[in-house]
Amino acid sequence: MALWGLAGLATAAPLKVAALHPLLADLAREVGGERVEVVDLTGPNADPHKFEPGARELDRAREARLFLLSGKGLEPYHEKLRDLAGAERILNVGETLPDRTTSNVCGEGGSLHHHHGGLDPHWWHSVDCWRRAARIVAKRFGELDAENAGYYLDRARSYRERLAVLDRWIRAELARVPPGKRVLAVAHAAFGYFCDEYGWRMVAVQGLNRERVTSPKFVGELARLMRREGVGALFPEEQSNPKMLRTLSESLGVKLAEPLIASGTGSIEAMFRHNVGAIVTTLAE
């Protein structure tokens, strides 16, 4: 099939990489620099949970030598893509990263409100996982482009140092929030890795009940949960409808905070700085 052919690639050409998550595209650029051509197949408005590449996206990935996937059950089309492109051209970045099961989700009875086979796929909310991912990607780039393997490792090393600085900043900022207020109440269970890494608790509101979420029974159950967990604010997500959370915040008398970034379309550093800033501004008052 011509779409997947590699014939005619010049040795001096950049390594072409297709990413199926916008933040993985950012990671590939950070590690690959000028030696890598990165194609972000999802685009700025796609939901990584639902995205599936069609003919247009696959055409943009023509002659890509590597596809970057998040893994942990996020991409339901993984097997289909593997059949089309070949297993050797797919890097499941999250495969060897630490697993987080949905049983860690506070207030949800141990289940996410989207299905990922029992694993929490949102590992990109862990700086530690992101630092590991930089090394994984650099190693694979070096295998495909041995002449520049040292270049990729050097860039990954520099990027990991920046992420270590970011981690220290996050910890210092979050320390401004009193221990009793370190509860993150969000729309859906995307921030478990973040909460685990920094010693917070997560309440995923929509995970409690997908049906009739504004019914008196639901509001009563949520009010008891929020009192028990010490919830001080509800955080909606960017690019999502905050109507349900706004209704609940009014019913419960709890502040509706600035939206958090769950999936991200820019850099991982920008995502963390935005989210931590919003959390601290709201809960450190």
Protein backbone atom coordinates (compact mmCIF):
# COMPACT_ATOMS: atom_id res chain seq x y z
CA MET A 1 0.00 0.00 0.00
CA ALA A 2 1.63 3.24 -1.16
CA LEU A 3 0.49 5.15 1.91
CA TRP A 4 2.88 3.19 4.09
CA GLY A 5 5.80 2.90 1.66
CA LEU A 6 9.26 3.99 2.74
CA ALA A 7 10.91 3.81 -0.67
CA GLY A 8 12.86 6.86 -1.72
CA LEU A 9 13.54 8.29 1.75
CA ALA A 10 16.78 10.23 1.64
CA THR A 11 19.25 9.46 4.39
CA ALA A 12 19.69 13.17 5.10
CA ALA A 13 15.97 13.78 5.49
CA PRO A 14 14.58 14.39 8.98
CA LEU A 15 13.15 11.43 10.82
CA LYS A 16 9.39 11.66 10.25
CA VAL A 17 7.30 10.89 13.32
CA ALA A 18 3.50 10.90 13.69
CA ALA A 19 2.02 11.50 17.15
CA LEU A 20 -1.46 10.42 18.17
CA HIS A 21 -1.61 12.70 21.17
CA PRO A 22 -0.82 16.45 21.06
CA LEU A 23 1.48 16.26 24.08
CA LEU A 24 3.42 13.40 22.50
CA ALA A 25 3.98 15.69 19.53
CA ASP A 26 5.47 18.21 21.96
CA LEU A 27 7.68 15.50 23.45
CA ALA A 28 8.89 14.41 20.02
CA ARG A 29 9.85 17.99 19.14
CA GLU A 30 11.70 18.45 22.43
CA VAL A 31 13.71 15.25 21.98
CA GLY A 32 14.06 15.34 18.20
CA GLY A 33 14.83 19.00 17.61
CA GLU A 34 15.74 19.87 14.04
CA ARG A 35 16.48 16.24 13.19
CA VAL A 36 12.84 15.17 13.44
CA GLU A 37 9.75 16.14 11.45
CA VAL A 38 6.73 15.81 13.76
CA VAL A 39 3.18 15.36 12.50
CA ASP A 40 0.50 15.93 15.17
CA LEU A 41 -2.37 13.84 13.82
CA THR A 42 -4.91 14.90 16.46
CA GLY A 43 -4.88 18.64 15.86
CA PRO A 44 -5.76 21.35 18.41
CA ASN A 45 -9.37 20.40 19.16
CA ALA A 46 -9.41 16.60 19.12
CA ASP A 47 -10.22 14.54 22.21
CA PRO A 48 -7.47 11.89 22.55
CA HIS A 49 -9.99 9.54 24.18
CA LYS A 50 -12.16 9.49 21.06
CA PHE A 51 -9.78 10.32 18.23
CA GLU A 52 -9.32 7.81 15.46
CA PRO A 53 -7.21 8.66 12.40
CA GLY A 54 -9.08 8.75 9.13
CA ALA A 55 -7.87 8.89 5.53
CA ARG A 56 -6.83 12.56 5.81
CA GLU A 57 -4.74 11.97 8.92
CA LEU A 58 -3.14 8.84 7.54
CA ASP A 59 -2.23 10.69 4.37
CA ARG A 60 -0.43 13.30 6.49
CA ALA A 61 1.49 10.44 8.09
CA ARG A 62 2.68 9.17 4.70
CA GLU A 63 6.18 7.73 5.03
CA ALA A 64 6.29 8.31 8.79
CA ARG A 65 8.87 5.95 10.25
CA LEU A 66 7.36 5.96 13.71
CA PHE A 67 3.95 6.43 15.34
CA LEU A 68 3.84 7.56 18.98
CA LEU A 69 0.92 6.26 21.06
CA SER A 70 0.10 7.00 24.71
CA GLY A 71 -0.93 3.44 25.47
CA LYS A 72 -2.60 2.11 28.62
CA GLY A 73 -5.80 1.54 26.67
CA LEU A 74 -6.24 5.16 25.51
CA GLU A 75 -6.22 4.37 21.79
CA PRO A 76 -8.89 1.83 20.83
CA TYR A 77 -7.56 1.73 17.25
CA HIS A 78 -4.11 0.54 18.32
CA GLU A 79 -4.44 -2.90 16.75
CA LYS A 80 -5.90 -1.53 13.52
CA LEU A 81 -3.02 0.93 13.18
CA ARG A 82 -0.52 -1.83 13.94
CA ASP A 83 -1.99 -3.91 11.12
CA LEU A 84 -1.74 -0.99 8.71
CA ALA A 85 1.67 0.37 9.63
CA GLY A 86 3.42 -2.65 11.13
CA ALA A 87 4.27 -3.23 14.78
CA GLU A 88 7.88 -2.12 14.26
CA ARG A 89 6.67 1.40 13.39
CA ILE A 90 4.64 1.91 16.57
CA LEU A 91 6.06 3.07 19.89
CA ASN A 92 3.64 2.60 22.78
CA VAL A 93 5.25 5.22 25.00
CA GLY A 94 3.20 4.40 28.09
CA GLU A 95 3.70 0.64 27.93
CA THR A 96 6.56 0.45 30.43
CA LEU A 97 5.56 3.47 32.54
CA PRO A 98 4.05 2.88 36.01
CA ASP A 99 0.43 1.75 35.93
CA ARG A 100 -2.28 3.40 37.94
CA THR A 101 -5.51 1.47 38.37
CA THR A 102 -8.91 3.06 38.61
CA SER A 103 -9.33 1.71 42.14
CA ASN A 104 -7.34 4.76 43.26
CA VAL A 105 -10.14 7.09 42.19
CA CYS A 106 -11.79 8.77 45.15
CA GLY A 107 -15.57 8.69 45.22
CA GLU A 108 -16.08 6.68 42.04
CA GLY A 109 -16.45 3.15 43.29
CA GLY A 110 -13.23 2.32 41.47
CA SER A 111 -14.36 3.00 37.91
CA LEU A 112 -13.68 5.73 35.40
CA HIS A 113 -16.61 7.11 33.48
CA HIS A 114 -14.87 6.21 30.23
CA HIS A 115 -13.58 2.69 29.68
CA HIS A 116 -9.87 1.95 29.53
CA GLY A 117 -9.67 -1.66 30.66
CA GLY A 118 -9.11 -0.80 34.33
CA LEU A 119 -6.00 1.33 33.77
CA ASP A 120 -5.86 5.08 34.18
CA PRO A 121 -4.40 6.26 30.84
CA HIS A 122 -3.65 9.84 31.92
CA TRP A 123 0.02 9.28 32.72
CA TRP A 124 1.00 12.59 31.13
CA HIS A 125 -0.11 14.28 34.38
CA SER A 126 2.98 12.82 36.06
CA VAL A 127 6.24 14.73 35.63
CA ASP A 128 8.11 11.58 36.63
CA CYS A 129 6.41 9.61 33.85
CA TRP A 130 7.15 12.39 31.41
CA ARG A 131 10.85 12.34 32.30
CA ARG A 132 10.91 8.57 31.71
CA ALA A 133 9.04 9.02 28.42
CA ALA A 134 11.73 11.42 27.16
CA ARG A 135 14.34 8.69 27.60
CA ILE A 136 12.11 6.07 25.92
CA VAL A 137 11.53 8.29 22.88
CA ALA A 138 15.20 9.27 22.59
CA LYS A 139 16.26 5.63 22.62
CA ARG A 140 13.81 4.74 19.84
CA PHE A 141 14.80 7.76 17.75
CA GLY A 142 18.43 6.67 18.08
CA GLU A 143 17.58 3.16 16.91
CA LEU A 144 15.95 4.56 13.78
CA ASP A 145 18.62 7.20 13.19
CA ALA A 146 21.81 5.77 14.65
CA GLU A 147 23.97 8.56 13.24
CA ASN A 148 22.19 11.07 15.49
CA ALA A 149 21.60 8.84 18.53
CA GLY A 150 23.86 10.96 20.72
CA TYR A 151 22.02 14.11 19.65
CA TYR A 152 18.68 12.67 20.78
CA LEU A 153 20.09 11.48 24.10
CA ASP A 154 21.62 14.89 24.77
CA ARG A 155 18.34 16.66 24.05
CA ALA A 156 16.44 14.20 26.23
CA ARG A 157 18.92 14.78 29.05
CA SER A 158 18.47 18.55 28.80
CA TYR A 159 14.70 18.20 28.67
CA ARG A 160 14.70 15.92 31.72
CA GLU A 161 16.66 18.56 33.63
CA ARG A 162 14.05 21.17 32.74
CA LEU A 163 11.31 18.83 33.91
CA ALA A 164 13.14 18.31 37.21
CA VAL A 165 13.12 22.08 37.68
CA LEU A 166 9.41 22.11 36.83
CA ASP A 167 8.77 19.39 39.43
CA ARG A 168 10.50 21.41 42.14
CA TRP A 169 8.42 24.45 41.21
CA ILE A 170 5.20 22.43 41.36
CA ARG A 171 6.04 21.08 44.81
CA ALA A 172 6.89 24.54 46.13
CA GLU A 173 3.68 26.02 44.76
CA LEU A 174 1.42 23.23 46.01
CA ALA A 175 2.97 23.54 49.48
CA ARG A 176 1.20 26.90 49.72
CA VAL A 177 -2.12 25.05 49.98
CA PRO A 178 -2.92 23.98 53.58
CA PRO A 179 -2.81 20.16 53.99
CA GLY A 180 -6.50 19.98 54.84
CA LYS A 181 -7.44 21.61 51.52
CA ARG A 182 -5.35 19.37 49.24
CA VAL A 183 -8.33 17.81 47.48
CA LEU A 184 -8.84 18.21 43.74
CA ALA A 185 -12.50 17.98 42.71
CA VAL A 186 -12.68 17.67 38.93
CA ALA A 187 -15.17 16.79 36.24
CA HIS A 188 -13.64 13.46 35.28
CA ALA A 189 -10.84 11.28 36.57
CA ALA A 190 -7.96 12.67 34.52
CA PHE A 191 -5.77 13.91 37.37
CA GLY A 192 -5.08 10.76 39.37
CA TYR A 193 -1.41 10.58 38.42
CA PHE A 194 -0.99 14.22 39.39
CA CYS A 195 -2.68 13.72 42.77
CA ASP A 196 -0.71 10.57 43.52
CA GLU A 197 2.58 12.24 42.67
CA TYR A 198 2.02 15.23 44.93
CA GLY A 199 0.11 13.61 47.78
CA TRP A 200 -3.34 15.02 46.99
CA ARG A 201 -6.74 13.35 46.85
CA MET A 202 -8.98 13.41 43.78
CA VAL A 203 -12.76 13.54 43.60
CA ALA A 204 -14.07 12.95 40.07
CA VAL A 205 -17.60 14.33 40.13
CA GLN A 206 -19.03 12.81 36.97
CA GLY A 207 -17.67 9.43 37.89
CA LEU A 208 -20.13 9.17 40.75
CA ASN A 209 -23.17 8.87 38.53
CA ARG A 210 -23.47 9.37 34.79
CA GLU A 211 -27.26 9.50 34.89
CA ARG A 212 -29.30 12.39 36.21
CA VAL A 213 -26.27 14.06 37.69
CA THR A 214 -28.28 17.01 39.00
CA SER A 215 -31.00 14.95 40.69
CA PRO A 216 -31.63 15.72 44.38
CA LYS A 217 -30.32 12.27 45.34
CA PHE A 218 -27.07 12.81 43.44
CA VAL A 219 -26.58 16.30 44.86
CA GLY A 220 -27.13 14.97 48.36
CA GLU A 221 -24.60 12.16 47.86
CA LEU A 222 -22.09 14.58 46.38
CA ALA A 223 -22.58 17.06 49.23
CA ARG A 224 -21.79 14.36 51.79
CA LEU A 225 -18.72 13.26 49.81
CA MET A 226 -17.43 16.81 49.45
CA ARG A 227 -17.86 17.52 53.15
CA ARG A 228 -16.06 14.28 54.01
CA GLU A 229 -13.19 15.05 51.62
CA GLY A 230 -12.93 18.73 52.47
CA VAL A 231 -13.57 19.95 48.92
CA GLY A 232 -13.19 23.71 48.60
CA ALA A 233 -13.84 24.19 44.86
CA LEU A 234 -14.92 22.41 41.70
CA PHE A 235 -12.53 22.52 38.74
CA PRO A 236 -14.01 22.17 35.24
CA GLU A 237 -11.86 21.32 32.22
CA GLU A 238 -10.94 23.40 29.22
CA GLN A 239 -12.79 22.48 26.01
CA SER A 240 -15.64 20.91 27.98
CA ASN A 241 -19.11 22.10 28.91
CA PRO A 242 -18.99 23.40 32.51
CA LYS A 243 -22.80 23.57 32.81
CA MET A 244 -23.11 20.53 35.06
CA LEU A 245 -20.35 21.65 37.40
CA ARG A 246 -21.77 25.18 37.47
CA THR A 247 -25.15 23.79 38.49
CA LEU A 248 -23.55 21.68 41.21
CA SER A 249 -21.41 24.53 42.51
CA GLU A 250 -24.52 26.68 42.86
CA SER A 251 -26.47 23.88 44.54
CA LEU A 252 -23.67 23.08 46.97
CA GLY A 253 -22.41 26.59 47.56
CA VAL A 254 -18.91 25.65 46.42
CA LYS A 255 -16.71 27.88 44.26
CA LEU A 256 -16.38 27.06 40.56
CA ALA A 257 -12.70 27.48 39.80
CA GLU A 258 -10.73 28.23 36.63
CA PRO A 259 -10.79 25.32 34.14
CA LEU A 260 -7.87 22.90 34.17
CA ILE A 261 -6.18 21.43 31.10
CA ALA A 262 -6.80 17.68 30.97
CA SER A 263 -5.25 16.67 27.65
CA GLY A 264 -3.34 19.69 26.43
CA THR A 265 -2.58 21.02 22.97
CA GLY A 266 0.65 22.90 23.64
CA SER A 267 3.59 21.96 25.83
CA ILE A 268 3.56 19.78 28.91
CA GLU A 269 5.30 22.55 30.82
CA ALA A 270 2.61 25.07 29.91
CA MET A 271 -0.09 22.58 30.97
CA PHE A 272 1.46 22.04 34.40
CA ARG A 273 2.08 25.72 34.99
CA HIS A 274 -1.50 26.58 34.07
CA ASN A 275 -3.05 23.84 36.19
CA VAL A 276 -0.90 24.38 39.25
CA GLY A 277 -1.45 28.13 39.02
CA ALA A 278 -5.22 27.67 38.89
CA ILE A 279 -5.19 25.18 41.78
CA VAL A 280 -3.03 27.30 44.06
CA THR A 281 -4.80 30.56 43.26
CA THR A 282 -8.12 28.95 44.20
CA LEU A 283 -7.21 26.81 47.21
CA ALA A 284 -4.39 28.77 48.87
CA GLU A 285 -6.73 31.69 49.64
